[in-house]
């Protein structure tokens, strides 16, 4: 659990962890220089918790991603679950996750959520785009996909396959390193197996101080988000993809005895191709003439850049996105949509 001035909702979240059918082996609370009563609440919980609790206090603020990464390095159990400070876990969250991982042999399990407001009143559902429970093979999920950290339970071993300090830049934000959940997604989706489950196992609280972006927006924004990420010259996902190709190849060529190492060579080639496609997409968005932009988009289509994810491409959705926002300039492209 990463905390930062989370006293408003922290007690309720901690109670929900203590009420799990399958109790955690330990709880690591890493606090990012809070100035409210977060530490006091955590220490009070520590005294009565039915499992060991370790509290870490960062002297300087790290940001939510680095705070989670630091906390992950402190974990000792076989499985790790990321936990936000302001949600409410349903009692069978951990049990459901462990059963799914052990039955399937998966490396990562993700689930849906019930959306609630600051008062805890349900406002909707958040499936994360998951339609049905399934086991996803390596390289079958979107390369730039997202599963929120609060929904993740994963094998601790996958965190240590590649040094998280070398995880590269963020794929949605202008500055900073890749966040904790996007890092785990990258590793698991590239060389491991992922169980996706639409079941809502967490009450995901949305309020005025969330770190993550709003899930709402107007119709145009929702369509834009559904289609995928726009390319932008100031956020070089081609360079990020090349970096991923390199670290995966380094892992493949290492002496690591992990069962997943054999998948890394293919994944490295996959990300090398994604880098090429993303470089071509940037050209589409930066050329002045509409006919030139259209020609570049059609060339990328011809060489397979918009094939399905399972075939190593960016998908038809990004073809539509690039036609509308890159070629036709339907509106100024935004990085996070």
Protein backbone atom coordinates (compact mmCIF):
# COMPACT_ATOMS: atom_id res chain seq x y z
CA UNK A 1 0.00 0.00 0.00
CA UNK A 2 1.27 3.44 -0.96
CA UNK A 3 -0.05 6.32 1.12
CA UNK A 4 0.17 10.09 0.97
CA UNK A 5 -2.13 12.24 3.08
CA UNK A 6 -4.68 9.45 2.98
CA UNK A 7 -6.16 9.76 6.44
CA UNK A 8 -9.62 10.60 5.12
CA UNK A 9 -10.34 7.06 3.86
CA UNK A 10 -7.47 4.96 5.19
CA UNK A 11 -9.20 3.36 8.18
CA UNK A 12 -11.98 1.94 6.01
CA UNK A 13 -9.49 0.47 3.56
CA UNK A 14 -7.41 -1.11 6.32
CA UNK A 15 -10.53 -2.69 7.85
CA UNK A 16 -11.41 -4.22 4.48
CA UNK A 17 -7.96 -5.83 4.30
CA UNK A 18 -8.33 -7.24 7.80
CA UNK A 19 -11.72 -8.66 6.79
CA UNK A 20 -10.35 -10.73 3.91
CA UNK A 21 -11.41 -14.37 3.79
CA UNK A 22 -7.80 -15.14 2.88
CA UNK A 23 -5.63 -12.87 5.01
CA UNK A 24 -2.44 -11.45 3.53
CA UNK A 25 0.91 -12.75 4.77
CA UNK A 26 1.96 -9.16 5.44
CA UNK A 27 1.05 -5.56 4.72
CA UNK A 28 3.71 -3.09 3.59
CA UNK A 29 2.60 0.53 4.03
CA UNK A 30 4.94 2.99 2.34
CA UNK A 31 4.06 6.56 3.20
CA UNK A 32 5.15 9.40 0.94
CA UNK A 33 5.86 12.16 3.48
CA UNK A 34 2.28 12.63 4.66
CA UNK A 35 1.46 15.72 6.70
CA UNK A 36 -1.94 14.57 7.97
CA UNK A 37 -2.85 11.72 10.35
CA UNK A 38 -2.00 8.90 7.93
CA UNK A 39 0.89 7.55 10.00
CA UNK A 40 -1.10 7.66 13.24
CA UNK A 41 -3.92 5.67 11.63
CA UNK A 42 -1.47 3.12 10.21
CA UNK A 43 0.30 2.71 13.55
CA UNK A 44 -3.00 2.20 15.36
CA UNK A 45 -3.93 -0.49 12.84
CA UNK A 46 -0.53 -2.16 13.26
CA UNK A 47 -1.19 -2.77 16.96
CA UNK A 48 -4.32 -4.86 16.31
CA UNK A 49 -3.84 -6.24 12.77
CA UNK A 50 -4.20 -10.03 12.37
CA UNK A 51 -1.03 -10.12 10.22
CA UNK A 52 2.38 -8.40 10.28
CA UNK A 53 2.39 -4.74 9.21
CA UNK A 54 5.50 -2.81 8.19
CA UNK A 55 5.36 0.97 7.95
CA UNK A 56 7.92 2.83 5.86
CA UNK A 57 8.15 6.63 6.01
CA UNK A 58 9.78 8.36 3.04
CA UNK A 59 11.62 11.48 4.14
CA UNK A 60 11.25 13.02 0.69
CA UNK A 61 8.25 12.62 -1.56
CA UNK A 62 8.81 10.06 -4.32
CA UNK A 63 5.53 10.19 -6.21
CA UNK A 64 2.98 7.38 -6.32
CA UNK A 65 4.79 5.22 -8.88
CA UNK A 66 8.19 5.24 -7.20
CA UNK A 67 6.52 4.85 -3.82
CA UNK A 68 4.81 1.65 -4.97
CA UNK A 69 8.04 0.37 -6.53
CA UNK A 70 9.88 0.94 -3.26
CA UNK A 71 7.18 -0.84 -1.28
CA UNK A 72 7.25 -3.78 -3.70
CA UNK A 73 10.95 -4.27 -3.01
CA UNK A 74 10.11 -4.75 0.68
CA UNK A 75 7.59 -7.55 0.09
CA UNK A 76 8.60 -11.12 1.01
CA UNK A 77 5.56 -13.21 0.04
CA UNK A 78 5.06 -15.32 -3.07
CA UNK A 79 2.29 -13.05 -4.35
CA UNK A 80 1.89 -9.28 -4.28
CA UNK A 81 -1.30 -7.21 -4.40
CA UNK A 82 -1.15 -3.47 -4.98
CA UNK A 83 -3.45 -1.51 -2.71
CA UNK A 84 -4.60 2.11 -2.88
CA UNK A 85 -5.22 4.03 0.31
CA UNK A 86 -8.80 5.04 -0.40
CA UNK A 87 -10.60 1.97 -1.78
CA UNK A 88 -12.53 -0.84 -0.09
CA UNK A 89 -11.64 -4.46 -0.80
CA UNK A 90 -14.48 -6.94 -0.95
CA UNK A 91 -13.88 -9.92 1.39
CA UNK A 92 -13.08 -12.47 -1.32
CA UNK A 93 -10.61 -10.37 -3.34
CA UNK A 94 -7.41 -12.13 -2.29
CA UNK A 95 -8.94 -15.59 -2.21
CA UNK A 96 -10.38 -15.18 -5.72
CA UNK A 97 -7.06 -13.91 -7.05
CA UNK A 98 -4.98 -16.70 -5.54
CA UNK A 99 -7.37 -19.39 -6.73
CA UNK A 100 -7.28 -18.00 -10.27
CA UNK A 101 -3.48 -17.77 -10.37
CA UNK A 102 -2.88 -21.22 -8.93
CA UNK A 103 -5.51 -22.92 -11.10
CA UNK A 104 -4.28 -21.34 -14.33
CA UNK A 105 -0.56 -20.99 -13.64
CA UNK A 106 -0.85 -17.30 -14.58
CA UNK A 107 1.64 -14.63 -13.56
CA UNK A 108 -0.84 -11.78 -13.14
CA UNK A 109 -4.51 -11.59 -12.20
CA UNK A 110 -6.65 -8.48 -12.74
CA UNK A 111 -10.31 -7.84 -11.99
CA UNK A 112 -13.10 -5.29 -12.26
CA UNK A 113 -14.48 -2.91 -9.66
CA UNK A 114 -17.53 -1.12 -8.35
CA UNK A 115 -17.19 2.65 -8.68
CA UNK A 116 -18.08 4.56 -5.52
CA UNK A 117 -17.98 8.21 -4.57
CA UNK A 118 -16.40 9.85 -1.54
CA UNK A 119 -19.30 8.72 0.64
CA UNK A 120 -18.97 5.11 -0.52
CA UNK A 121 -22.15 5.21 -2.62
CA UNK A 122 -22.03 3.06 -5.75
CA UNK A 123 -22.00 5.09 -8.97
CA UNK A 124 -21.29 2.45 -11.60
CA UNK A 125 -19.00 -0.39 -12.62
CA UNK A 126 -15.44 -0.39 -13.93
CA UNK A 127 -14.64 -3.51 -15.93
CA UNK A 128 -11.36 -2.16 -17.37
CA UNK A 129 -12.64 -3.34 -20.74
CA UNK A 130 -12.77 -6.97 -19.61
CA UNK A 131 -15.79 -8.76 -21.08
CA UNK A 132 -15.31 -12.26 -19.71
CA UNK A 133 -12.84 -14.20 -17.65
CA UNK A 134 -10.02 -15.59 -19.76
CA UNK A 135 -6.35 -16.53 -19.74
CA UNK A 136 -4.29 -14.27 -22.00
CA UNK A 137 -1.09 -15.66 -23.53
CA UNK A 138 2.09 -13.60 -23.95
CA UNK A 139 1.81 -10.76 -26.49
CA UNK A 140 -1.97 -11.08 -26.83
CA UNK A 141 -2.92 -7.91 -24.91
CA UNK A 142 -2.59 -4.34 -26.24
CA UNK A 143 1.05 -3.17 -26.12
CA UNK A 144 0.10 0.13 -24.49
CA UNK A 145 -2.73 -1.34 -22.44
CA UNK A 146 -3.63 -0.43 -18.88
CA UNK A 147 -4.85 -2.38 -15.88
CA UNK A 148 -5.09 -0.33 -12.71
CA UNK A 149 -2.79 -1.28 -9.86
CA UNK A 150 -5.58 -1.76 -7.32
CA UNK A 151 -6.86 -4.69 -9.39
CA UNK A 152 -3.53 -6.51 -9.67
CA UNK A 153 -2.30 -9.61 -7.87
CA UNK A 154 0.88 -11.09 -9.32
CA UNK A 155 3.72 -13.48 -8.66
CA UNK A 156 6.51 -11.72 -6.82
CA UNK A 157 9.10 -13.36 -9.06
CA UNK A 158 8.06 -11.40 -12.16
CA UNK A 159 8.93 -8.12 -10.45
CA UNK A 160 12.56 -9.21 -10.21
CA UNK A 161 13.05 -10.60 -13.71
CA UNK A 162 14.22 -7.20 -14.97
CA UNK A 163 15.49 -4.35 -12.80
CA UNK A 164 12.54 -2.03 -12.17
CA UNK A 165 14.93 0.92 -11.88
CA UNK A 166 15.54 0.47 -15.63
CA UNK A 167 11.86 0.48 -16.53
CA UNK A 168 12.05 3.51 -18.81
CA UNK A 169 9.76 6.47 -19.34
CA UNK A 170 6.05 6.79 -18.77
CA UNK A 171 3.85 5.92 -21.73
CA UNK A 172 1.05 8.41 -21.01
CA UNK A 173 2.62 11.24 -19.04
CA UNK A 174 5.10 13.81 -20.33
CA UNK A 175 7.73 13.26 -17.65
CA UNK A 176 8.75 10.63 -15.14
CA UNK A 177 9.37 6.91 -15.06
CA UNK A 178 6.85 4.23 -15.90
CA UNK A 179 4.38 3.70 -13.07
CA UNK A 180 4.34 0.53 -10.98
CA UNK A 181 1.21 -0.96 -12.53
CA UNK A 182 2.25 -0.24 -16.12
CA UNK A 183 5.59 -1.92 -15.39
CA UNK A 184 3.94 -5.08 -14.10
CA UNK A 185 1.54 -5.03 -17.06
CA UNK A 186 4.47 -4.76 -19.50
CA UNK A 187 6.37 -7.68 -17.97
CA UNK A 188 3.38 -9.99 -17.53
CA UNK A 189 1.76 -9.22 -20.90
CA UNK A 190 5.05 -9.53 -22.79
CA UNK A 191 6.40 -12.83 -21.44
CA UNK A 192 3.82 -14.21 -19.01
CA UNK A 193 0.18 -15.22 -18.77
CA UNK A 194 -2.57 -12.95 -17.48
CA UNK A 195 -5.98 -13.88 -16.09
CA UNK A 196 -8.52 -11.13 -16.76
CA UNK A 197 -11.74 -11.24 -14.76
CA UNK A 198 -14.63 -8.72 -14.93
CA UNK A 199 -15.81 -9.58 -11.42
CA UNK A 200 -15.89 -6.49 -9.17
CA UNK A 201 -13.68 -7.32 -6.18
CA UNK A 202 -12.90 -3.77 -5.05
CA UNK A 203 -14.98 -0.68 -4.39
CA UNK A 204 -12.90 1.81 -6.36
CA UNK A 205 -13.36 5.23 -4.82
CA UNK A 206 -13.33 8.27 -7.09
CA UNK A 207 -13.08 11.64 -5.35
CA UNK A 208 -11.53 15.08 -5.65
CA UNK A 209 -7.98 13.98 -4.76
CA UNK A 210 -7.40 10.88 -6.90
CA UNK A 211 -3.93 10.54 -8.45
CA UNK A 212 -5.31 8.77 -11.53
CA UNK A 213 -7.23 10.60 -14.29
CA UNK A 214 -10.99 10.92 -14.33
CA UNK A 215 -12.88 8.00 -15.85
CA UNK A 216 -15.54 10.34 -17.19
CA UNK A 217 -15.59 12.77 -20.10
CA UNK A 218 -17.67 13.98 -23.01
CA UNK A 219 -18.64 11.71 -25.88
CA UNK A 220 -15.75 12.77 -28.10
CA UNK A 221 -13.22 12.11 -25.34
CA UNK A 222 -14.69 8.68 -24.65
CA UNK A 223 -14.49 7.74 -28.34
CA UNK A 224 -10.92 9.03 -28.51
CA UNK A 225 -9.95 7.03 -25.44
CA UNK A 226 -11.63 3.89 -26.80
CA UNK A 227 -9.62 4.09 -30.02
CA UNK A 228 -6.28 4.35 -28.22
CA UNK A 229 -3.29 6.61 -27.86
CA UNK A 230 -2.52 9.43 -30.24
CA UNK A 231 1.09 9.78 -31.37
CA UNK A 232 3.02 12.89 -30.35
CA UNK A 233 6.50 14.10 -31.20
CA UNK A 234 7.16 15.06 -27.57
CA UNK A 235 6.33 11.64 -26.16
CA UNK A 236 8.47 9.18 -28.08
CA UNK A 237 6.83 5.84 -27.57
CA UNK A 238 9.07 4.54 -30.34
CA UNK A 239 12.06 5.14 -28.05
CA UNK A 240 10.21 3.55 -25.13
CA UNK A 241 9.44 0.49 -27.25
CA UNK A 242 13.08 0.21 -28.36
CA UNK A 243 14.17 0.36 -24.73
CA UNK A 244 11.75 -2.44 -23.91
CA UNK A 245 13.11 -4.51 -26.79
CA UNK A 246 16.63 -4.04 -25.44
CA UNK A 247 15.94 -4.98 -21.83
CA UNK A 248 13.94 -8.02 -22.91
CA UNK A 249 16.81 -9.21 -25.10
CA UNK A 250 19.23 -8.64 -22.23
CA UNK A 251 16.98 -10.77 -20.06
CA UNK A 252 16.84 -13.50 -22.70
CA UNK A 253 20.64 -13.53 -23.01
CA UNK A 254 21.15 -13.57 -19.25
CA UNK A 255 21.74 -16.64 -17.11
CA UNK A 256 18.43 -16.19 -15.30
CA UNK A 257 16.80 -19.57 -14.67
CA UNK A 258 13.23 -18.27 -14.85
CA UNK A 259 10.76 -20.32 -16.87
CA UNK A 260 9.74 -17.06 -18.59
CA UNK A 261 13.15 -16.29 -20.07
CA UNK A 262 12.41 -18.39 -23.14
CA UNK A 263 9.59 -15.99 -24.10
CA UNK A 264 11.77 -12.89 -23.97
CA UNK A 265 13.43 -13.22 -27.40
CA UNK A 266 10.12 -13.19 -29.25
CA UNK A 267 8.88 -10.36 -27.04
CA UNK A 268 12.02 -8.36 -27.83
CA UNK A 269 11.38 -8.66 -31.57
CA UNK A 270 7.75 -7.73 -31.00
CA UNK A 271 8.68 -4.50 -29.23
CA UNK A 272 11.25 -3.69 -31.91
CA UNK A 273 8.43 -3.83 -34.47
CA UNK A 274 6.18 -1.71 -32.25
CA UNK A 275 8.98 0.88 -32.10
CA UNK A 276 9.08 1.04 -35.90
CA UNK A 277 5.31 1.41 -36.15
CA UNK A 278 5.21 4.16 -33.51
CA UNK A 279 7.97 6.11 -35.29
CA UNK A 280 5.88 6.03 -38.47
CA UNK A 281 2.81 7.17 -36.56
CA UNK A 282 4.67 10.24 -35.31
CA UNK A 283 5.40 11.13 -38.94
CA UNK A 284 1.65 11.00 -39.67
CA UNK A 285 0.91 13.48 -36.90
CA UNK A 286 3.73 15.90 -37.74
CA UNK A 287 3.47 16.30 -41.53
CA UNK A 288 1.75 19.42 -42.89
CA UNK A 289 -0.01 18.12 -46.01
CA UNK A 290 -3.18 16.04 -45.61
CA UNK A 291 -2.34 13.89 -48.64
CA UNK A 292 1.13 13.22 -47.26
CA UNK A 293 -0.34 12.22 -43.91
CA UNK A 294 -2.85 9.95 -45.63
CA UNK A 295 -0.11 8.33 -47.71
CA UNK A 296 1.97 7.62 -44.59
CA UNK A 297 -1.03 6.13 -42.81
CA UNK A 298 -1.86 3.85 -45.73
CA UNK A 299 1.78 2.75 -45.99
CA UNK A 300 1.72 1.78 -42.33
CA UNK A 301 -1.48 -0.13 -42.96
CA UNK A 302 0.15 -1.92 -45.91
CA UNK A 303 3.17 -3.11 -43.93
CA UNK A 304 0.99 -4.53 -41.16
CA UNK A 305 1.25 -1.78 -38.58
CA UNK A 306 -2.47 -1.95 -37.86
CA UNK A 307 -2.75 -5.71 -37.58
CA UNK A 308 -4.36 -7.14 -34.46
CA UNK A 309 -2.43 -7.22 -31.19
CA UNK A 310 -2.19 -10.99 -31.44
CA UNK A 311 -0.43 -10.65 -34.81
CA UNK A 312 2.07 -8.07 -33.59
CA UNK A 313 0.33 -4.89 -34.73
CA UNK A 314 -1.27 -1.82 -33.20
CA UNK A 315 -4.89 -2.81 -34.04
CA UNK A 316 -7.60 -1.36 -36.28
CA UNK A 317 -8.60 1.06 -33.53
CA UNK A 318 -5.38 2.99 -33.93
CA UNK A 319 -5.88 3.04 -37.69
CA UNK A 320 -9.20 4.79 -37.11
CA UNK A 321 -7.57 7.04 -34.51
CA UNK A 322 -4.78 8.03 -36.86
CA UNK A 323 -7.16 8.72 -39.75
CA UNK A 324 -9.37 10.93 -37.60
CA UNK A 325 -6.81 12.70 -35.44
CA UNK A 326 -3.59 12.36 -37.42
CA UNK A 327 -4.67 12.64 -41.06
CA UNK A 328 -7.91 14.60 -40.85
CA UNK A 329 -6.82 16.59 -37.78
CA UNK A 330 -10.32 16.11 -36.38
CA UNK A 331 -9.02 17.79 -33.27
CA UNK A 332 -5.66 18.39 -31.70
CA UNK A 333 -4.40 14.99 -30.49
CA UNK A 334 -3.91 14.53 -26.76
CA UNK A 335 -1.42 12.16 -25.21
CA UNK A 336 -3.58 10.72 -22.46
CA UNK A 337 -6.69 9.94 -24.51
